[in-house]
């Protein structure tokens, strides 16, 4: 028997009148304590379940974001995997273009025709890999986001101010990204 029960019996033996009231009060208090304990345990468990649900949802959302990010990075990597090679090939392309300008005078020459075939084949191969020449022409408006200004010279006419006077070096893009800006001279 617990100490509470012994105390209850002592009260019952001493006073017959107090016997019923004390027993009822103690029983009511113990029932209330049990109900309060039960409610608090249920509330605590509900709170714990809610906390775990929130943690799970955050973790799930974080994992979904991770999957999307790695997927985008993988696609971007495939698009630009050959970027270093393309950048290394750009000076060769520039030399090829200069050589083709010199060979344009002798179109009937067999060597000139061979160079033209090789040049076209190289351009097509690089184009298939995603390399393209940025379209920059004399007279276009200068845009610092798309062009690299080498120098400024006095414009030959008023309408050429802030426009491209000469294209020194072609610009190239690989996919959607610019890998070399066109080098231009602008009028002031």
N, C-alpha and C. Protein backbone atom coordinates (compact mmCIF):
# COMPACT_ATOMS: atom_id res chain seq x y z
N UNK A 1 0.83 -1.16 0.00
CA UNK A 1 0.00 0.00 0.00
C UNK A 1 0.88 1.24 0.00
N UNK A 2 0.43 2.26 -0.73
CA UNK A 2 1.25 3.47 -0.81
C UNK A 2 1.03 4.34 0.42
N UNK A 3 1.86 5.34 0.57
CA UNK A 3 1.77 6.21 1.73
C UNK A 3 0.48 7.02 1.71
N UNK A 4 -0.04 7.36 0.53
CA UNK A 4 -1.30 8.10 0.43
C UNK A 4 -2.44 7.25 0.98
N UNK A 5 -2.45 6.00 0.57
CA UNK A 5 -3.51 5.10 1.02
C UNK A 5 -3.45 4.92 2.56
N UNK A 6 -2.26 4.82 3.12
CA UNK A 6 -2.13 4.68 4.58
C UNK A 6 -2.64 5.93 5.28
N UNK A 7 -2.33 7.10 4.71
CA UNK A 7 -2.81 8.35 5.30
C UNK A 7 -4.33 8.42 5.23
N UNK A 8 -4.89 7.95 4.14
CA UNK A 8 -6.36 7.93 3.99
C UNK A 8 -6.99 7.02 5.05
N UNK A 9 -6.42 5.87 5.29
CA UNK A 9 -6.94 4.95 6.29
C UNK A 9 -6.85 5.56 7.68
N UNK A 10 -5.77 6.29 7.96
CA UNK A 10 -5.62 6.92 9.26
C UNK A 10 -6.71 7.96 9.47
N UNK A 11 -7.01 8.71 8.43
CA UNK A 11 -8.05 9.72 8.52
C UNK A 11 -9.40 9.04 8.72
N UNK A 12 -9.62 7.93 8.07
CA UNK A 12 -10.88 7.20 8.16
C UNK A 12 -11.07 6.66 9.58
N UNK A 13 -10.02 6.16 10.21
CA UNK A 13 -10.14 5.57 11.53
C UNK A 13 -10.38 6.63 12.58
N UNK A 14 -9.82 7.80 12.43
CA UNK A 14 -9.96 8.82 13.46
C UNK A 14 -11.32 9.49 13.39
N UNK A 15 -11.72 9.86 12.23
CA UNK A 15 -12.99 10.58 12.09
C UNK A 15 -13.87 9.84 11.11
N UNK A 16 -15.04 9.52 11.54
CA UNK A 16 -15.97 8.84 10.66
C UNK A 16 -16.55 9.80 9.64
N UNK A 17 -16.69 11.05 10.01
CA UNK A 17 -17.30 12.05 9.14
C UNK A 17 -16.33 12.45 8.04
N UNK A 18 -15.09 12.60 8.38
CA UNK A 18 -14.07 13.04 7.43
C UNK A 18 -13.72 11.93 6.47
N UNK A 19 -14.11 10.76 6.84
CA UNK A 19 -13.72 9.60 6.05
C UNK A 19 -14.20 9.71 4.61
N UNK A 20 -15.46 9.96 4.38
CA UNK A 20 -16.01 10.01 3.03
C UNK A 20 -15.48 11.22 2.27
N UNK A 21 -15.41 12.37 2.89
CA UNK A 21 -14.99 13.61 2.22
C UNK A 21 -13.54 13.52 1.80
N UNK A 22 -12.68 13.02 2.65
CA UNK A 22 -11.26 12.93 2.33
C UNK A 22 -11.03 11.94 1.20
N UNK A 23 -11.73 10.82 1.26
CA UNK A 23 -11.56 9.81 0.22
C UNK A 23 -12.03 10.33 -1.13
N UNK A 24 -13.16 11.02 -1.14
CA UNK A 24 -13.67 11.57 -2.39
C UNK A 24 -12.73 12.64 -2.94
N UNK A 25 -12.21 13.50 -2.07
CA UNK A 25 -11.29 14.56 -2.51
C UNK A 25 -10.03 13.96 -3.10
N UNK A 26 -9.49 12.99 -2.45
CA UNK A 26 -8.26 12.35 -2.93
C UNK A 26 -8.52 11.64 -4.25
N UNK A 27 -9.64 10.94 -4.35
CA UNK A 27 -9.98 10.26 -5.62
C UNK A 27 -10.17 11.26 -6.75
N UNK A 28 -10.85 12.40 -6.47
CA UNK A 28 -11.05 13.43 -7.49
C UNK A 28 -9.72 14.03 -7.93
N UNK A 29 -8.84 14.31 -6.97
CA UNK A 29 -7.52 14.88 -7.30
C UNK A 29 -6.70 13.91 -8.13
N UNK A 30 -6.71 12.64 -7.79
CA UNK A 30 -5.93 11.66 -8.54
C UNK A 30 -6.49 11.49 -9.94
N UNK A 31 -7.83 11.54 -10.06
CA UNK A 31 -8.43 11.44 -11.40
C UNK A 31 -8.07 12.67 -12.23
N UNK A 32 -8.09 13.85 -11.60
CA UNK A 32 -7.73 15.07 -12.33
C UNK A 32 -6.27 15.04 -12.73
N UNK A 33 -5.40 14.58 -11.84
CA UNK A 33 -3.98 14.47 -12.17
C UNK A 33 -3.76 13.51 -13.33
N UNK A 34 -4.50 12.40 -13.32
CA UNK A 34 -4.38 11.44 -14.41
C UNK A 34 -4.86 12.05 -15.72
N UNK A 35 -5.98 12.77 -15.69
CA UNK A 35 -6.51 13.42 -16.89
C UNK A 35 -5.53 14.49 -17.38
N UNK A 36 -5.00 15.29 -16.45
CA UNK A 36 -4.03 16.32 -16.83
C UNK A 36 -2.77 15.69 -17.39
N UNK A 37 -2.30 14.60 -16.76
CA UNK A 37 -1.12 13.91 -17.26
C UNK A 37 -1.38 13.34 -18.65
N UNK A 38 -2.57 12.79 -18.83
CA UNK A 38 -2.93 12.22 -20.13
C UNK A 38 -2.99 13.31 -21.19
N UNK A 39 -3.61 14.42 -20.87
CA UNK A 39 -3.70 15.52 -21.83
C UNK A 39 -2.31 16.05 -22.17
N UNK A 40 -1.51 16.23 -21.19
CA UNK A 40 -0.18 16.77 -21.47
C UNK A 40 0.64 15.78 -22.27
N UNK A 41 0.50 14.52 -22.00
CA UNK A 41 1.24 13.51 -22.78
C UNK A 41 0.74 13.52 -24.21
N UNK A 42 -0.60 13.57 -24.39
CA UNK A 42 -1.15 13.62 -25.74
C UNK A 42 -0.71 14.89 -26.47
N UNK A 43 -0.74 16.01 -25.78
CA UNK A 43 -0.31 17.26 -26.38
C UNK A 43 1.17 17.21 -26.75
N UNK A 44 1.95 16.67 -25.84
CA UNK A 44 3.38 16.55 -26.12
C UNK A 44 3.63 15.66 -27.33
N UNK A 45 2.91 14.56 -27.39
CA UNK A 45 3.07 13.66 -28.53
C UNK A 45 2.61 14.32 -29.83
N UNK A 46 1.52 15.06 -29.79
CA UNK A 46 1.06 15.77 -30.97
C UNK A 46 2.10 16.80 -31.43
N UNK A 47 2.64 17.55 -30.46
CA UNK A 47 3.67 18.54 -30.78
C UNK A 47 4.90 17.87 -31.38
N UNK A 48 5.28 16.76 -30.80
CA UNK A 48 6.45 16.03 -31.32
C UNK A 48 6.21 15.52 -32.74
N UNK A 49 5.01 14.98 -32.98
CA UNK A 49 4.66 14.51 -34.33
C UNK A 49 4.66 15.68 -35.30
N UNK A 50 4.12 16.82 -34.89
CA UNK A 50 4.09 18.00 -35.76
C UNK A 50 5.50 18.48 -36.07
N UNK A 51 6.36 18.48 -35.08
CA UNK A 51 7.76 18.88 -35.28
C UNK A 51 8.47 17.94 -36.25
N UNK A 52 8.23 16.66 -36.07
CA UNK A 52 8.85 15.67 -36.98
C UNK A 52 8.32 15.83 -38.40
N UNK A 53 7.03 16.12 -38.55
CA UNK A 53 6.46 16.35 -39.88
C UNK A 53 7.13 17.55 -40.54
N UNK A 54 7.29 18.63 -39.79
CA UNK A 54 7.93 19.83 -40.33
C UNK A 54 9.37 19.55 -40.74
N UNK A 55 10.10 18.81 -39.92
CA UNK A 55 11.48 18.44 -40.26
C UNK A 55 11.51 17.61 -41.53
N UNK A 56 10.58 16.66 -41.63
CA UNK A 56 10.50 15.81 -42.82
C UNK A 56 10.21 16.63 -44.07
N UNK A 57 9.25 17.54 -43.98
CA UNK A 57 8.91 18.38 -45.13
C UNK A 57 10.07 19.26 -45.55
N UNK A 58 10.77 19.84 -44.57
CA UNK A 58 11.95 20.66 -44.89
C UNK A 58 13.02 19.82 -45.56
N UNK A 59 13.26 18.64 -45.03
CA UNK A 59 14.26 17.75 -45.60
C UNK A 59 13.88 17.32 -47.01
N UNK A 60 12.61 17.01 -47.20
CA UNK A 60 12.12 16.61 -48.52
C UNK A 60 12.27 17.76 -49.52
N UNK A 61 11.90 18.98 -49.12
CA UNK A 61 12.03 20.15 -50.00
C UNK A 61 13.49 20.42 -50.32
N UNK A 62 14.34 20.29 -49.34
CA UNK A 62 15.78 20.49 -49.55
C UNK A 62 16.34 19.46 -50.53
N UNK A 63 15.89 18.22 -50.41
CA UNK A 63 16.34 17.17 -51.32
C UNK A 63 15.84 17.44 -52.74
N UNK A 64 14.60 17.88 -52.89
CA UNK A 64 14.07 18.21 -54.22
C UNK A 64 14.87 19.35 -54.84
N UNK A 65 15.20 20.37 -54.07
CA UNK A 65 16.02 21.47 -54.57
C UNK A 65 17.40 20.98 -54.99
N UNK A 66 17.96 20.08 -54.21
CA UNK A 66 19.27 19.50 -54.54
C UNK A 66 19.20 18.75 -55.87
N UNK A 67 18.14 17.95 -56.06
CA UNK A 67 18.00 17.20 -57.31
C UNK A 67 17.88 18.14 -58.50
N UNK A 68 17.09 19.19 -58.37
CA UNK A 68 16.92 20.15 -59.46
C UNK A 68 18.23 20.86 -59.77
N UNK A 69 18.95 21.27 -58.71
CA UNK A 69 20.21 21.99 -58.90
C UNK A 69 21.25 21.11 -59.59
N UNK A 70 21.38 19.87 -59.15
CA UNK A 70 22.37 18.98 -59.77
C UNK A 70 21.98 18.64 -61.19
N UNK A 71 20.70 18.55 -61.46
CA UNK A 71 20.24 18.30 -62.83
C UNK A 71 20.61 19.47 -63.74
N UNK A 72 20.35 20.69 -63.26
CA UNK A 72 20.73 21.89 -64.05
C UNK A 72 22.24 21.95 -64.25
N UNK A 73 23.00 21.66 -63.20
CA UNK A 73 24.46 21.69 -63.31
C UNK A 73 24.96 20.64 -64.30
N UNK A 74 24.35 19.46 -64.29
CA UNK A 74 24.75 18.40 -65.21
C UNK A 74 24.48 18.80 -66.66
N UNK A 75 23.30 19.38 -66.90
CA UNK A 75 22.96 19.84 -68.25
C UNK A 75 23.93 20.93 -68.69
N UNK A 76 24.22 21.85 -67.79
CA UNK A 76 25.16 22.94 -68.10
C UNK A 76 26.55 22.38 -68.38
N UNK A 77 26.96 21.37 -67.64
CA UNK A 77 28.27 20.76 -67.85
C UNK A 77 28.35 20.11 -69.23
N UNK A 78 27.29 19.41 -69.62
CA UNK A 78 27.29 18.79 -70.95
C UNK A 78 27.34 19.84 -72.06
N UNK A 79 26.65 20.96 -71.84
CA UNK A 79 26.65 22.01 -72.85
C UNK A 79 28.02 22.65 -73.01
N UNK A 80 28.72 22.81 -71.91
CA UNK A 80 29.99 23.53 -71.96
C UNK A 80 31.19 22.64 -71.65
N UNK A 81 31.05 21.35 -71.81
CA UNK A 81 32.16 20.44 -71.49
C UNK A 81 33.36 20.70 -72.38
N UNK A 82 33.10 21.12 -73.59
CA UNK A 82 34.20 21.34 -74.53
C UNK A 82 34.63 22.81 -74.57
N UNK A 83 34.27 23.57 -73.58
CA UNK A 83 34.57 25.01 -73.57
C UNK A 83 36.07 25.27 -73.67
N UNK A 84 36.86 24.58 -72.89
CA UNK A 84 38.32 24.81 -72.91
C UNK A 84 38.89 24.52 -74.29
N UNK A 85 38.44 23.46 -74.90
CA UNK A 85 38.91 23.13 -76.24
C UNK A 85 38.50 24.21 -77.24
N UNK A 86 37.27 24.68 -77.13
CA UNK A 86 36.79 25.72 -78.05
C UNK A 86 37.60 27.01 -77.88
N UNK A 87 37.86 27.38 -76.65
CA UNK A 87 38.64 28.60 -76.40
C UNK A 87 40.05 28.44 -76.97
N UNK A 88 40.62 27.26 -76.87
CA UNK A 88 41.96 27.02 -77.43
C UNK A 88 41.93 27.05 -78.96
N UNK A 89 40.80 26.71 -79.57
CA UNK A 89 40.69 26.68 -81.03
C UNK A 89 40.44 28.07 -81.64
N UNK A 90 40.02 29.03 -80.84
CA UNK A 90 39.68 30.35 -81.38
C UNK A 90 40.86 31.05 -82.07
N UNK A 91 42.06 31.04 -81.51
CA UNK A 91 43.18 31.65 -82.25
C UNK A 91 43.46 30.95 -83.59
N UNK A 92 43.26 29.63 -83.63
CA UNK A 92 43.46 28.91 -84.88
C UNK A 92 42.41 29.36 -85.90
N UNK A 93 41.17 29.53 -85.43
CA UNK A 93 40.11 30.03 -86.32
C UNK A 93 40.44 31.42 -86.84
N UNK A 94 40.97 32.28 -85.97
CA UNK A 94 41.35 33.63 -86.40
C UNK A 94 42.44 33.57 -87.48
N UNK A 95 43.44 32.71 -87.25
CA UNK A 95 44.49 32.57 -88.26
C UNK A 95 43.93 32.03 -89.57
N UNK A 96 43.02 31.10 -89.48
CA UNK A 96 42.38 30.54 -90.67
C UNK A 96 41.62 31.64 -91.43
N UNK A 97 40.90 32.48 -90.71
CA UNK A 97 40.16 33.57 -91.36
C UNK A 97 41.09 34.54 -92.05
N UNK A 98 42.20 34.88 -91.41
CA UNK A 98 43.18 35.79 -92.04
C UNK A 98 43.78 35.16 -93.29
N UNK A 99 44.08 33.86 -93.19
CA UNK A 99 44.64 33.16 -94.35
C UNK A 99 43.62 33.12 -95.50
N UNK A 100 42.37 32.92 -95.19
CA UNK A 100 41.33 32.87 -96.22
C UNK A 100 41.18 34.22 -96.93
N UNK A 101 41.36 35.32 -96.18
CA UNK A 101 41.31 36.65 -96.81
C UNK A 101 42.44 36.80 -97.82
N UNK A 102 43.60 36.29 -97.51
CA UNK A 102 44.75 36.37 -98.41
C UNK A 102 44.56 35.48 -99.64
N UNK A 103 43.92 34.32 -99.45
CA UNK A 103 43.72 33.39 -100.56
C UNK A 103 42.53 33.75 -101.44
N UNK A 104 41.71 34.71 -101.04
CA UNK A 104 40.55 35.09 -101.84
C UNK A 104 40.94 35.62 -103.22
N UNK A 105 42.15 36.18 -103.34
CA UNK A 105 42.59 36.71 -104.63
C UNK A 105 42.81 35.59 -105.64
N UNK A 106 43.24 34.43 -105.17
CA UNK A 106 43.56 33.32 -106.07
C UNK A 106 42.53 32.21 -105.91
N UNK A 107 41.30 32.45 -106.35
CA UNK A 107 40.22 31.47 -106.18
C UNK A 107 40.40 30.25 -107.08
N UNK A 108 41.06 30.43 -108.18
CA UNK A 108 41.23 29.31 -109.11
C UNK A 108 42.38 28.39 -108.70
N UNK A 109 43.18 28.83 -107.77
CA UNK A 109 44.33 28.05 -107.31
C UNK A 109 43.83 26.81 -106.54
N UNK A 110 44.47 25.67 -106.78
CA UNK A 110 44.10 24.42 -106.12
C UNK A 110 44.33 24.52 -104.61
N UNK A 111 45.37 25.18 -104.22
CA UNK A 111 45.68 25.33 -102.78
C UNK A 111 44.61 26.18 -102.08
N UNK A 112 44.16 27.20 -102.77
CA UNK A 112 43.11 28.05 -102.22
C UNK A 112 41.82 27.26 -102.04
N UNK A 113 41.48 26.43 -103.00
CA UNK A 113 40.27 25.62 -102.90
C UNK A 113 40.38 24.60 -101.76
N UNK A 114 41.56 24.02 -101.58
CA UNK A 114 41.79 23.08 -100.48
C UNK A 114 41.64 23.76 -99.12
N UNK A 115 42.21 24.98 -99.01
CA UNK A 115 42.10 25.75 -97.76
C UNK A 115 40.63 26.09 -97.48
N UNK A 116 39.89 26.43 -98.51
CA UNK A 116 38.47 26.76 -98.34
C UNK A 116 37.70 25.55 -97.84
N UNK A 117 37.98 24.39 -98.40
CA UNK A 117 37.30 23.16 -97.96
C UNK A 117 37.61 22.85 -96.49
N UNK A 118 38.87 22.96 -96.13
CA UNK A 118 39.28 22.68 -94.75
C UNK A 118 38.64 23.70 -93.79
N UNK A 119 38.65 24.96 -94.18
CA UNK A 119 38.07 26.03 -93.36
C UNK A 119 36.58 25.78 -93.14
N UNK A 120 35.86 25.48 -94.20
CA UNK A 120 34.41 25.23 -94.08
C UNK A 120 34.12 24.00 -93.22
N UNK A 121 34.91 22.95 -93.37
CA UNK A 121 34.72 21.74 -92.59
C UNK A 121 34.96 22.01 -91.10
N UNK A 122 36.00 22.78 -90.81
CA UNK A 122 36.30 23.10 -89.42
C UNK A 122 35.19 23.95 -88.81
N UNK A 123 34.69 24.93 -89.56
CA UNK A 123 33.60 25.77 -89.05
C UNK A 123 32.34 24.95 -88.79
N UNK A 124 32.01 24.06 -89.69
CA UNK A 124 30.82 23.21 -89.52
C UNK A 124 30.95 22.29 -88.31
N UNK A 125 32.13 21.72 -88.13
CA UNK A 125 32.35 20.83 -86.98
C UNK A 125 32.19 21.59 -85.67
N UNK A 126 32.77 22.78 -85.59
CA UNK A 126 32.65 23.58 -84.37
C UNK A 126 31.21 24.07 -84.17
N UNK A 127 30.51 24.36 -85.25
CA UNK A 127 29.11 24.79 -85.15
C UNK A 127 28.24 23.66 -84.62
N UNK A 128 28.53 22.43 -85.03
CA UNK A 128 27.78 21.28 -84.53
C UNK A 128 27.99 21.08 -83.04
N UNK A 129 29.13 21.49 -82.54
CA UNK A 129 29.44 21.37 -81.12
C UNK A 129 28.92 22.55 -80.30
N UNK A 130 28.22 23.49 -80.95
CA UNK A 130 27.59 24.60 -80.23
C UNK A 130 28.30 25.92 -80.34
N UNK A 131 29.40 26.00 -81.07
CA UNK A 131 30.14 27.25 -81.21
C UNK A 131 29.52 28.06 -82.34
N UNK A 132 29.28 29.33 -82.07
CA UNK A 132 28.75 30.21 -83.12
C UNK A 132 29.41 31.57 -83.02
N UNK A 133 29.48 32.24 -84.18
CA UNK A 133 30.08 33.57 -84.24
C UNK A 133 29.02 34.58 -83.84
N UNK A 134 29.39 35.51 -82.96
CA UNK A 134 28.42 36.55 -82.58
C UNK A 134 28.33 37.55 -83.73
N UNK A 135 27.11 37.92 -84.02
CA UNK A 135 26.84 38.81 -85.15
C UNK A 135 27.10 40.26 -84.74
N UNK A 136 28.26 40.76 -85.10
CA UNK A 136 28.62 42.14 -84.83
C UNK A 136 29.04 42.76 -86.14
N UNK A 137 28.40 43.88 -86.49
CA UNK A 137 28.66 44.53 -87.78
C UNK A 137 29.03 45.98 -87.55
N UNK A 138 29.70 46.56 -88.51
CA UNK A 138 30.01 47.98 -88.48
C UNK A 138 28.69 48.74 -88.56
N UNK A 139 28.53 49.70 -87.68
CA UNK A 139 27.30 50.49 -87.64
C UNK A 139 26.35 50.07 -86.54
N UNK A 140 26.58 48.92 -85.91
CA UNK A 140 25.75 48.50 -84.78
C UNK A 140 26.01 49.40 -83.58
N UNK A 141 25.03 49.53 -82.73
CA UNK A 141 25.20 50.31 -81.50
C UNK A 141 26.07 49.52 -80.53
N UNK A 142 27.01 50.22 -79.91
CA UNK A 142 27.92 49.58 -78.95
C UNK A 142 27.15 49.21 -77.69
N UNK A 143 27.34 47.98 -77.22
CA UNK A 143 26.73 47.48 -75.98
C UNK A 143 27.86 46.86 -75.16
N UNK A 144 28.12 47.46 -74.00
CA UNK A 144 29.23 46.98 -73.16
C UNK A 144 29.03 45.56 -72.67
N UNK A 145 27.77 45.08 -72.64
CA UNK A 145 27.50 43.71 -72.21
C UNK A 145 27.81 42.70 -73.31
N UNK A 146 27.87 43.15 -74.55
CA UNK A 146 28.07 42.24 -75.69
C UNK A 146 29.38 42.46 -76.43
N UNK A 147 30.00 43.62 -76.25
CA UNK A 147 31.21 43.96 -77.00
C UNK A 147 32.33 44.39 -76.06
N UNK A 148 33.55 44.27 -76.56
CA UNK A 148 34.72 44.77 -75.83
C UNK A 148 35.34 45.88 -76.65
N UNK A 149 35.33 47.10 -76.11
CA UNK A 149 35.87 48.25 -76.84
C UNK A 149 37.38 48.29 -76.68
N UNK A 150 38.07 48.28 -77.81
CA UNK A 150 39.53 48.36 -77.79
C UNK A 150 39.96 49.82 -77.70
N UNK A 151 39.33 50.65 -78.51
CA UNK A 151 39.66 52.07 -78.52
C UNK A 151 38.48 52.87 -79.04
N UNK A 152 38.58 54.19 -78.87
CA UNK A 152 37.59 55.11 -79.42
C UNK A 152 38.31 56.05 -80.37
N UNK A 153 37.68 56.30 -81.47
CA UNK A 153 38.24 57.25 -82.43
C UNK A 153 37.16 58.26 -82.76
N UNK A 154 37.57 59.42 -83.27
CA UNK A 154 36.55 60.39 -83.68
C UNK A 154 35.69 59.78 -84.78
N UNK A 155 34.37 59.91 -84.65
CA UNK A 155 33.47 59.29 -85.61
C UNK A 155 33.52 60.05 -86.94
N UNK A 156 33.46 59.32 -88.05
CA UNK A 156 33.51 59.97 -89.36
C UNK A 156 32.26 60.83 -89.63
N UNK A 157 31.15 60.48 -89.01
CA UNK A 157 29.93 61.28 -89.16
C UNK A 157 29.21 61.35 -87.82
N UNK A 158 28.27 62.26 -87.74
CA UNK A 158 27.55 62.48 -86.48
C UNK A 158 26.70 61.26 -86.08
N UNK A 159 26.15 60.57 -87.04
CA UNK A 159 25.29 59.43 -86.74
C UNK A 159 26.07 58.19 -86.29
N UNK A 160 27.39 58.17 -86.42
CA UNK A 160 28.22 57.03 -86.00
C UNK A 160 28.74 57.17 -84.57
N UNK A 161 28.35 58.23 -83.86
CA UNK A 161 28.78 58.39 -82.47
C UNK A 161 28.14 57.30 -81.62
N UNK A 162 28.96 56.60 -80.84
CA UNK A 162 28.47 55.52 -79.97
C UNK A 162 28.21 54.23 -80.72
N UNK A 163 28.60 54.20 -81.98
CA UNK A 163 28.39 53.00 -82.79
C UNK A 163 29.73 52.35 -83.11
N UNK A 164 29.67 51.13 -83.61
CA UNK A 164 30.88 50.37 -83.93
C UNK A 164 31.42 50.85 -85.28
N UNK A 165 32.68 51.25 -85.27
CA UNK A 165 33.35 51.73 -86.48
C UNK A 165 34.05 50.56 -87.18
N UNK A 166 34.68 49.68 -86.39
CA UNK A 166 35.42 48.55 -86.96
C UNK A 166 35.40 47.37 -85.99
N UNK A 167 35.37 46.15 -86.55
CA UNK A 167 35.44 44.93 -85.75
C UNK A 167 36.85 44.37 -85.91
N UNK A 168 37.61 44.39 -84.84
CA UNK A 168 39.00 43.93 -84.87
C UNK A 168 39.07 42.41 -84.79
N UNK A 169 38.29 41.82 -83.88
CA UNK A 169 38.32 40.37 -83.67
C UNK A 169 36.90 39.88 -83.44
N UNK A 170 36.55 38.78 -84.06
CA UNK A 170 35.21 38.21 -83.93
C UNK A 170 34.98 37.71 -82.50
N UNK A 171 33.72 37.74 -82.12
CA UNK A 171 33.32 37.18 -80.84
C UNK A 171 32.65 35.84 -81.07
N UNK A 172 32.70 34.97 -80.06
CA UNK A 172 32.12 33.63 -80.18
C UNK A 172 31.27 33.31 -78.96
N UNK A 173 30.21 32.54 -79.20
CA UNK A 173 29.37 32.04 -78.12
C UNK A 173 29.34 30.52 -78.18
N UNK A 174 29.27 29.92 -77.02
CA UNK A 174 29.13 28.46 -76.92
C UNK A 174 27.81 28.21 -76.20
N UNK A 175 26.84 27.76 -76.98
CA UNK A 175 25.49 27.63 -76.43
C UNK A 175 24.92 29.01 -76.21
N UNK A 176 24.59 29.34 -74.97
CA UNK A 176 24.05 30.65 -74.63
C UNK A 176 25.10 31.57 -74.01
N UNK A 177 26.29 31.07 -73.76
CA UNK A 177 27.30 31.85 -73.06
C UNK A 177 28.34 32.40 -74.03
N UNK A 178 28.74 33.62 -73.77
CA UNK A 178 29.78 34.25 -74.56
C UNK A 178 31.13 33.74 -74.05
N UNK A 179 31.93 33.16 -74.94
CA UNK A 179 33.25 32.70 -74.50
C UNK A 179 34.35 33.67 -74.94
N UNK A 180 34.04 34.52 -75.94
CA UNK A 180 34.96 35.60 -76.29
C UNK A 180 34.15 36.75 -76.86
N UNK A 181 34.34 37.93 -76.28
CA UNK A 181 33.62 39.11 -76.73
C UNK A 181 34.26 39.65 -78.00
N UNK A 182 33.47 40.16 -78.91
CA UNK A 182 34.06 40.77 -80.11
C UNK A 182 34.79 42.06 -79.72
N UNK A 183 35.98 42.23 -80.26
CA UNK A 183 36.78 43.41 -79.98
C UNK A 183 36.49 44.44 -81.08
N UNK A 184 36.05 45.61 -80.65
CA UNK A 184 35.57 46.61 -81.60
C UNK A 184 36.19 47.98 -81.33
N UNK A 185 36.11 48.82 -82.35
CA UNK A 185 36.49 50.24 -82.26
C UNK A 185 35.20 51.02 -82.36
N UNK A 186 35.02 51.96 -81.43
CA UNK A 186 33.77 52.73 -81.44
C UNK A 186 34.04 54.21 -81.71
N UNK A 187 33.04 54.89 -82.25
CA UNK A 187 33.16 56.30 -82.55
C UNK A 187 32.75 57.16 -81.38
N UNK A 188 33.44 58.31 -81.25
CA UNK A 188 33.08 59.23 -80.14
C UNK A 188 32.73 60.57 -80.66
